[in-house]
Each structure stands twice: as C-alpha cells, then as structure tokens.
C-alpha cells in the first residue's frame, strides 16, 4: 500500500492519526488508529488477528476505530474513538514481552489512546499492558477493574433486540420467538443465556464444535452448519461473529424480520446494504448502538467502576434504539444512517462547546 493510499483512507474516514508499531525483538507488529477525540480520549480494544496482508489490517482497524467514535457518541460517553490491531496468530505470537512492548507504544501516546481487551486478548493481557502504561481498562476485578465486559455487551444487544422486536412485532417479549445467533464467543454465549431465560427458540452456528455441543445440550439450541445460518426461517437474526457479513449474497438468503447482533461493522457497505435491508422489509438495529455495552462498561472503569451503573446505562440502549427506528421511518433513511447522524450531531455540538480555549 502506497503512502498516498493511506492518506486517502485517512481522509475518507476522517481519521486524526494512524500509528504503526514495530519491534523486532518481541515480534510486535501493530497498528493503532485514532479516529476522533473531540469528546475525549480515544478508547477501543486491541485485537490480535492473522490478517492476509497489511492492507486488510489497516482497513479493519480504521473501520473499527470509526465505529468506536460513533459508539461512544451515541451512548453519551465522554470518549473518542480508537482501536488497535496486533498482526499475527494469537496462539503463536502472544507473550508477556509482546503485550508489554505494545503497552510502551500506548504509553507514548500520552493518554490520547486508552486500550482494552478485544478479540484474542484477555484481562490477563491487559495486566501485562498495565505494567507499562496506565492508559488501559478491562482489568480484572481483583485489580479494581470491571473484569470481562462481554456480559454487559450482551445485555446491551439484548436490550436493542427487545426494542427492535417491539417496533416490528408490537411487543418486546422474545418468548417463543425463533432467533438465529451466528458466532458463540464470549458475547454470543451470554446473549444465548438471556434469550433462553426469556423463552426464545434458538438456532446457532459457530466454527467451534465444542461450544455448539454445549449450548445444544444445555439450552436446547438447534445447530446448523456455517453459512446455513443465513437461510434459516427465523424472527430475528443476531450476527455475533466478525463484520461485513451483510452483503449482497447473504442478504439475499435472509428470512428474518429483524437483525440485531453484537458484531462490529455488519454492513459490508453502509449506504448500499442499509437500504437493501429496507427493501427486503428487514429492520436492522445499528451495530455500534446496540453493542456499546462493553464500551459503557470499560468507561465506567475509566471514571470509577460501578457495575450497577454500567448495566443501567446499557439498559438505555433500549430507548435509543426505539428513537433511531422512529427517525429512520420518519426521515425515510436506513437505520445505520439515522444512528450515524445522531452520533455526528453530538460530536459537532460538543466541538462548539470546546471551541473556546
């Protein structure tokens, strides 16, 4: 990728800063993307992923960091958006030294970026990062942190799903609703527990056979193979794996009334696939709105952790989802656009407040 291309991407997504981190001694190869810090320091997790090439990693971290900006803004948090990726196979490259070296790079940004756990990183990894910088959240409860944020993330998705159900079905009860969940990781697992407790009928897909067997036996979930999850005749589809899965091919297969899941950047192309879902009569709960529970949780850690407050703020996702769905219908725009407009308005409003030194 040429320098010109990188700056073109910066301009496209309106990023403030991209930091490339390299350390031959530990094998660290990472990218930190800081999208917007109008509302506060950029906060976003660090994921470890074995990308096909550097261009794929850059594109992913830029899309993810932009999503964090909107997630913080629409949730009413005094945070900006940022994200980091460490390139490589987590099972092979992750060591104490590598995570601590990454912490040194975070420290050098002087608080402009606050990191946390994400895909293939854990609270233990954040302990190593904290040895080198104070600009880290997602620490274990034993260290004064909020611990694993995935239960709060799942709760927020659950609230967004219930609000979407109320909008479409006239009631927010999920009892008897058939719900397909794609991706049964930490968030997906907690989401299944909420749905099962309410009496939903569950259909699941994941690459981990052991996880599928566990939830099939404990919750009575129906297991389907891989991409067959898209063609299931269900009331609600919950994408909880990786992003960009709502594309031309997959949307054509969908047989659901609502999409509400935890995955980031679900729409392959927002202004193409957002309207396409409307054409198919599918209500889409914007991903960065309903999956904001994890960010809400770590923000509480940043200002002084209180679990009850974290869950209470995540519950507010229900009301905001209803608001976004109403705006979408009234203004005849797709829901992701309605949510983005609301997030950008808050950023613009606060930028005016902070314009005077």
Protein backbone atom coordinates (compact mmCIF):
# COMPACT_ATOMS: atom_id res chain seq x y z
CA UNK A 1 0.00 0.00 0.00
CA UNK A 2 1.39 3.38 -1.06
CA UNK A 3 1.56 6.38 1.30
CA UNK A 4 -0.91 8.22 -0.93
CA UNK A 5 -3.44 5.42 -0.44
CA UNK A 6 -3.09 5.58 3.35
CA UNK A 7 -3.68 9.33 3.44
CA UNK A 8 -6.63 8.87 1.08
CA UNK A 9 -8.13 6.39 3.57
CA UNK A 10 -7.44 8.82 6.42
CA UNK A 11 -9.38 11.47 4.54
CA UNK A 12 -12.21 9.09 3.63
CA UNK A 13 -12.85 8.02 7.21
CA UNK A 14 -11.76 11.42 8.63
CA UNK A 15 -9.16 9.93 10.98
CA UNK A 16 -6.86 12.02 13.13
CA UNK A 17 -3.92 9.67 13.40
CA UNK A 18 -2.56 6.24 12.49
CA UNK A 19 0.36 4.82 14.47
CA UNK A 20 2.42 1.90 13.15
CA UNK A 21 4.23 -0.07 15.87
CA UNK A 22 7.11 -2.43 15.10
CA UNK A 23 9.52 -4.26 17.40
CA UNK A 24 11.72 -6.99 16.00
CA UNK A 25 12.84 -8.23 19.43
CA UNK A 26 9.32 -9.23 20.56
CA UNK A 27 7.81 -9.74 17.11
CA UNK A 28 5.27 -6.99 17.66
CA UNK A 29 3.61 -5.63 14.54
CA UNK A 30 0.65 -3.42 15.44
CA UNK A 31 -1.46 -0.53 14.18
CA UNK A 32 -3.26 1.99 16.39
CA UNK A 33 -5.96 4.06 14.67
CA UNK A 34 -7.27 7.17 16.42
CA UNK A 35 -10.39 8.35 14.66
CA UNK A 36 -11.78 11.28 16.65
CA UNK A 37 -11.02 12.79 20.07
CA UNK A 38 -13.49 15.69 20.20
CA UNK A 39 -15.49 14.09 23.02
CA UNK A 40 -12.48 12.71 24.90
CA UNK A 41 -9.54 10.31 24.58
CA UNK A 42 -9.94 7.56 22.03
CA UNK A 43 -10.89 4.29 23.72
CA UNK A 44 -11.02 0.98 21.95
CA UNK A 45 -9.82 -2.56 22.38
CA UNK A 46 -6.78 -4.28 20.94
CA UNK A 47 -7.45 -7.36 18.87
CA UNK A 48 -4.93 -9.90 17.62
CA UNK A 49 -5.73 -11.24 14.17
CA UNK A 50 -3.83 -13.08 11.45
CA UNK A 51 -4.67 -10.75 8.56
CA UNK A 52 -3.98 -11.80 4.98
CA UNK A 53 -1.94 -8.66 4.38
CA UNK A 54 -1.15 -5.24 5.83
CA UNK A 55 -3.81 -3.50 3.73
CA UNK A 56 -6.52 -5.71 5.23
CA UNK A 57 -5.28 -4.89 8.74
CA UNK A 58 -5.26 -1.14 8.05
CA UNK A 59 -8.76 -1.21 6.61
CA UNK A 60 -10.07 -3.21 9.58
CA UNK A 61 -8.54 -1.01 12.26
CA UNK A 62 -9.80 2.15 10.54
CA UNK A 63 -13.37 0.87 10.23
CA UNK A 64 -13.32 -0.39 13.81
CA UNK A 65 -11.98 2.87 15.25
CA UNK A 66 -14.57 4.89 13.36
CA UNK A 67 -17.24 2.63 14.81
CA UNK A 68 -15.89 3.31 18.31
CA UNK A 69 -16.30 7.06 17.77
CA UNK A 70 -19.97 6.62 16.90
CA UNK A 71 -20.46 4.05 19.66
CA UNK A 72 -19.16 6.45 22.32
CA UNK A 73 -21.04 9.44 20.89
CA UNK A 74 -24.43 7.76 20.62
CA UNK A 75 -24.04 6.29 24.12
CA UNK A 76 -23.47 9.73 25.65
CA UNK A 77 -19.92 8.92 26.79
CA UNK A 78 -17.14 11.50 27.03
CA UNK A 79 -14.86 9.41 24.86
CA UNK A 80 -13.47 9.48 21.36
CA UNK A 81 -12.96 6.52 19.07
CA UNK A 82 -9.84 4.46 18.54
CA UNK A 83 -8.82 0.85 18.03
CA UNK A 84 -5.67 -1.24 17.74
CA UNK A 85 -4.77 -4.45 15.95
CA UNK A 86 -1.77 -6.69 16.53
CA UNK A 87 -1.00 -8.68 13.40
CA UNK A 88 -0.36 -12.41 13.73
CA UNK A 89 -1.66 -15.72 15.04
CA UNK A 90 -2.51 -15.16 18.72
CA UNK A 91 -1.71 -18.78 19.57
CA UNK A 92 1.84 -18.30 18.30
CA UNK A 93 2.89 -14.68 18.87
CA UNK A 94 1.24 -13.64 22.15
CA UNK A 95 3.74 -13.35 25.01
CA UNK A 96 4.20 -11.19 28.08
CA UNK A 97 7.02 -9.33 26.33
CA UNK A 98 4.94 -8.60 23.23
CA UNK A 99 1.99 -7.28 25.25
CA UNK A 100 4.24 -5.16 27.45
CA UNK A 101 6.01 -3.73 24.41
CA UNK A 102 2.62 -2.82 22.99
CA UNK A 103 1.93 -1.10 26.31
CA UNK A 104 5.03 1.04 25.76
CA UNK A 105 3.63 2.26 22.44
CA UNK A 106 0.31 3.08 24.12
CA UNK A 107 2.17 4.99 26.85
CA UNK A 108 3.99 7.06 24.24
CA UNK A 109 0.63 8.46 23.06
CA UNK A 110 0.28 10.24 26.43
CA UNK A 111 -3.33 9.32 27.08
CA UNK A 112 -4.73 10.09 23.64
CA UNK A 113 -5.46 6.37 23.30
CA UNK A 114 -6.83 4.08 26.02
CA UNK A 115 -6.72 0.37 25.23
CA UNK A 116 -8.75 -2.62 26.41
CA UNK A 117 -9.31 -6.27 25.56
CA UNK A 118 -10.88 -7.40 22.30
CA UNK A 119 -10.80 -10.42 20.00
CA UNK A 120 -8.00 -12.79 21.08
CA UNK A 121 -6.92 -10.62 24.03
CA UNK A 122 -7.89 -11.11 27.67
CA UNK A 123 -7.90 -9.37 31.03
CA UNK A 124 -4.58 -11.15 31.67
CA UNK A 125 -3.11 -9.49 28.58
CA UNK A 126 -4.33 -6.12 29.87
CA UNK A 127 -2.47 -6.79 33.12
CA UNK A 128 0.75 -7.05 31.10
CA UNK A 129 -0.11 -3.85 29.19
CA UNK A 130 -0.77 -2.07 32.50
CA UNK A 131 2.79 -2.85 33.62
CA UNK A 132 3.92 -0.30 31.02
CA UNK A 133 1.05 2.22 30.89
CA UNK A 134 -1.86 3.48 32.96
CA UNK A 135 -3.90 4.07 29.80
CA UNK A 136 -5.65 0.71 29.88
CA UNK A 137 -9.04 -0.59 31.04
CA UNK A 138 -10.64 -4.02 31.07
CA UNK A 139 -8.57 -5.11 34.06
CA UNK A 140 -9.61 -7.91 36.43
CA UNK A 141 -11.95 -7.05 39.29
CA UNK A 142 -9.17 -8.00 41.71
CA UNK A 143 -7.21 -5.02 40.37
CA UNK A 144 -10.13 -2.60 40.66
CA UNK A 145 -11.31 -3.11 37.10
CA UNK A 146 -14.63 -4.22 35.67
CA UNK A 147 -13.39 -7.61 34.53
CA UNK A 148 -14.76 -9.20 31.38
CA UNK A 149 -17.06 -6.65 29.65
CA UNK A 150 -18.82 -9.25 27.48
CA UNK A 151 -21.82 -9.77 29.83
CA UNK A 152 -22.65 -6.04 29.63
CA UNK A 153 -22.13 -6.09 25.84
CA UNK A 154 -24.57 -8.99 25.57
CA UNK A 155 -27.07 -7.21 27.81
CA UNK A 156 -26.99 -4.14 25.56
CA UNK A 157 -27.55 -6.29 22.46
CA UNK A 158 -30.44 -7.97 24.28
CA UNK A 159 -31.96 -4.53 25.04
CA UNK A 160 -31.55 -3.44 21.40
CA UNK A 161 -33.11 -6.69 20.22
CA UNK A 162 -36.11 -6.27 22.52
CA UNK A 163 -36.64 -2.68 21.34
CA UNK A 164 -36.48 -3.83 17.71
CA UNK A 165 -38.97 -6.59 18.46
CA UNK A 166 -41.36 -4.06 20.00
CA UNK A 167 -41.07 -1.90 16.89
CA UNK A 168 -41.72 -4.78 14.49
CA UNK A 169 -43.96 -7.21 16.40
CA UNK A 170 -45.75 -4.80 18.73
CA UNK A 171 -44.29 -6.37 21.88
CA UNK A 172 -40.77 -6.61 23.24
CA UNK A 173 -41.33 -10.12 24.56
CA UNK A 174 -38.99 -12.65 22.96
CA UNK A 175 -40.82 -15.65 24.37
CA UNK A 176 -41.50 -18.09 21.55
CA UNK A 177 -39.51 -16.01 19.04
CA UNK A 178 -37.15 -18.00 16.81
CA UNK A 179 -33.72 -16.39 16.98
CA UNK A 180 -30.60 -17.36 14.98
CA UNK A 181 -27.27 -16.46 16.59
CA UNK A 182 -24.13 -16.55 14.46
CA UNK A 183 -20.92 -16.69 16.49
CA UNK A 184 -20.99 -18.09 20.02
CA UNK A 185 -17.99 -16.41 21.58
CA UNK A 186 -17.97 -14.62 24.93
CA UNK A 187 -20.72 -12.16 23.94
CA UNK A 188 -22.76 -14.65 21.93
CA UNK A 189 -22.75 -17.10 24.82
CA UNK A 190 -24.07 -14.56 27.31
CA UNK A 191 -26.68 -13.42 24.77
CA UNK A 192 -27.93 -17.01 24.42
CA UNK A 193 -28.41 -17.17 28.20
CA UNK A 194 -30.56 -14.02 28.17
CA UNK A 195 -32.63 -15.30 25.24
CA UNK A 196 -33.09 -18.78 26.68
CA UNK A 197 -34.20 -17.36 30.02
CA UNK A 198 -36.94 -15.41 28.23
CA UNK A 199 -38.13 -18.49 26.35
CA UNK A 200 -36.78 -17.89 22.85
CA UNK A 201 -36.26 -20.76 20.39
CA UNK A 202 -32.56 -20.77 19.48
CA UNK A 203 -30.68 -21.63 16.29
CA UNK A 204 -26.88 -21.39 16.44
CA UNK A 205 -23.80 -21.59 14.22
CA UNK A 206 -20.10 -21.35 15.09
CA UNK A 207 -16.77 -22.80 13.99
CA UNK A 208 -16.22 -24.29 17.47
CA UNK A 209 -17.94 -27.70 17.62
CA UNK A 210 -17.48 -28.00 21.40
CA UNK A 211 -19.28 -24.70 22.01
CA UNK A 212 -22.13 -25.76 19.74
CA UNK A 213 -22.47 -29.08 21.55
CA UNK A 214 -22.52 -27.32 24.92
CA UNK A 215 -25.36 -24.96 24.06
CA UNK A 216 -27.29 -27.63 22.16
CA UNK A 217 -27.31 -29.80 25.27
CA UNK A 218 -27.77 -27.11 27.95
CA UNK A 219 -30.17 -24.72 26.18
CA UNK A 220 -31.74 -26.99 23.57
CA UNK A 221 -30.40 -24.87 20.71
CA UNK A 222 -30.62 -26.19 17.16
CA UNK A 223 -27.21 -26.37 15.48
CA UNK A 224 -26.80 -25.53 11.78
CA UNK A 225 -23.67 -25.65 9.67
CA UNK A 226 -21.75 -22.49 8.80
CA UNK A 227 -23.40 -20.35 6.16
CA UNK A 228 -26.72 -22.21 6.52
CA UNK A 229 -27.44 -19.77 9.36
CA UNK A 230 -28.36 -17.07 6.80
CA UNK A 231 -31.21 -19.04 5.22
CA UNK A 232 -32.96 -20.04 8.45
CA UNK A 233 -36.61 -19.00 8.68
CA UNK A 234 -36.46 -17.05 11.94
CA UNK A 235 -37.91 -13.93 13.53
CA UNK A 236 -34.55 -12.42 14.48
CA UNK A 237 -31.00 -12.90 13.18
CA UNK A 238 -28.15 -11.97 15.54
CA UNK A 239 -24.70 -11.70 13.89
CA UNK A 240 -22.15 -12.00 16.71
CA UNK A 241 -19.03 -13.00 14.77
CA UNK A 242 -16.84 -10.81 12.55
CA UNK A 243 -18.06 -7.91 10.41
CA UNK A 244 -19.11 -7.20 6.81
CA UNK A 245 -21.38 -10.26 6.67
CA UNK A 246 -24.42 -8.30 5.49
CA UNK A 247 -23.53 -8.23 1.82
CA UNK A 248 -25.43 -8.86 -1.43
CA UNK A 249 -25.17 -12.64 -1.27
CA UNK A 250 -26.03 -13.10 2.40
CA UNK A 251 -28.87 -10.57 2.48
CA UNK A 252 -30.48 -12.38 -0.46
CA UNK A 253 -30.70 -15.53 1.71
CA UNK A 254 -32.14 -13.92 4.85
CA UNK A 255 -35.59 -14.97 6.05
CA UNK A 256 -35.97 -12.81 9.16
CA UNK A 257 -37.82 -9.67 10.23
CA UNK A 258 -35.11 -8.21 12.50
CA UNK A 259 -31.32 -8.15 12.57
CA UNK A 260 -29.82 -7.34 15.98
CA UNK A 261 -26.39 -8.65 16.88
CA UNK A 262 -23.07 -7.89 18.54
CA UNK A 263 -20.67 -7.98 15.58
CA UNK A 264 -18.97 -4.74 14.55
CA UNK A 265 -19.39 -3.25 11.05
CA UNK A 266 -22.01 -5.77 9.96
CA UNK A 267 -22.97 -3.89 6.79
CA UNK A 268 -20.39 -4.55 4.06
CA UNK A 269 -21.29 -1.16 2.51
CA UNK A 270 -23.46 1.01 4.73
CA UNK A 271 -25.20 3.08 2.05
CA UNK A 272 -25.76 0.07 -0.18
CA UNK A 273 -26.78 -2.67 2.22
CA UNK A 274 -28.63 -0.46 4.72
CA UNK A 275 -31.21 0.49 2.05
CA UNK A 276 -31.20 -3.08 0.70
CA UNK A 277 -32.39 -4.38 4.06
CA UNK A 278 -35.26 -1.86 4.00
CA UNK A 279 -36.22 -3.11 0.53
CA UNK A 280 -36.39 -6.64 1.94
CA UNK A 281 -38.57 -5.44 4.83
CA UNK A 282 -35.91 -6.23 7.44
CA UNK A 283 -35.41 -3.95 10.46
CA UNK A 284 -31.73 -3.52 11.28
CA UNK A 285 -30.60 -2.47 14.77
CA UNK A 286 -27.39 -0.44 14.19
CA UNK A 287 -24.43 -2.47 15.42
CA UNK A 288 -22.46 0.35 17.06
CA UNK A 289 -25.54 1.33 19.05
CA UNK A 290 -26.63 -2.00 20.47
CA UNK A 291 -23.16 -3.50 21.02
CA UNK A 292 -21.98 -0.48 23.04
CA UNK A 293 -22.41 -2.23 26.40
CA UNK A 294 -18.77 -3.28 26.54
CA UNK A 295 -17.59 0.27 25.94
CA UNK A 296 -20.04 1.53 28.54
CA UNK A 297 -18.60 -0.98 30.99
CA UNK A 298 -14.94 -0.02 30.45
CA UNK A 299 -15.82 3.68 30.50
CA UNK A 300 -17.22 3.18 33.99
CA UNK A 301 -13.88 1.63 34.88
CA UNK A 302 -12.12 4.70 33.45
CA UNK A 303 -14.11 7.07 35.70
CA UNK A 304 -14.56 4.77 38.71
CA UNK A 305 -16.16 1.37 38.28
CA UNK A 306 -19.68 0.60 39.41
CA UNK A 307 -21.33 -2.50 37.93
CA UNK A 308 -24.91 -1.36 38.61
CA UNK A 309 -24.26 1.92 36.79
CA UNK A 310 -22.78 0.05 33.83
CA UNK A 311 -25.88 -2.15 33.47
CA UNK A 312 -28.23 0.80 33.97
CA UNK A 313 -26.54 2.77 31.18
CA UNK A 314 -26.54 -0.30 28.93
CA UNK A 315 -30.29 -0.64 29.52
CA UNK A 316 -30.72 2.84 27.99
CA UNK A 317 -29.80 1.24 24.64
CA UNK A 318 -33.46 0.11 24.52
CA UNK A 319 -34.76 3.70 24.42
CA UNK A 320 -32.15 4.94 21.94
CA UNK A 321 -32.90 2.02 19.61
CA UNK A 322 -36.60 2.94 19.57
CA UNK A 323 -35.63 6.56 18.86
CA UNK A 324 -33.38 5.57 15.95
CA UNK A 325 -36.02 3.30 14.43
CA UNK A 326 -38.54 6.15 14.58
CA UNK A 327 -36.14 8.63 12.97
CA UNK A 328 -35.36 6.09 10.25
CA UNK A 329 -39.05 5.70 9.44
CA UNK A 330 -39.88 9.42 9.69
CA UNK A 331 -36.93 10.59 7.57
CA UNK A 332 -37.01 7.59 5.22
CA UNK A 333 -33.34 6.77 5.76
CA UNK A 334 -31.77 3.47 6.73
CA UNK A 335 -31.19 2.89 10.43
CA UNK A 336 -27.38 2.93 10.30
CA UNK A 337 -27.57 6.39 8.69
CA UNK A 338 -30.03 7.59 11.33
CA UNK A 339 -27.72 6.40 14.10
CA UNK A 340 -24.63 7.88 12.44
CA UNK A 341 -26.39 11.24 12.05
CA UNK A 342 -27.28 11.30 15.75
CA UNK A 343 -23.71 10.42 16.77
CA UNK A 344 -22.18 13.03 14.46
CA UNK A 345 -24.57 15.71 15.72
CA UNK A 346 -23.40 15.16 19.30
CA UNK A 347 -19.75 15.41 18.20
CA UNK A 348 -20.47 18.63 16.30
CA UNK A 349 -22.39 20.12 19.23
CA UNK A 350 -19.61 19.38 21.74
CA UNK A 351 -16.99 20.66 19.31
CA UNK A 352 -18.75 24.05 19.53
CA UNK A 353 -18.66 23.90 23.32
CA UNK A 354 -14.91 23.25 23.29
CA UNK A 355 -14.08 25.78 20.59
CA UNK A 356 -13.12 28.42 23.16
CA UNK A 357 -9.81 27.93 24.97
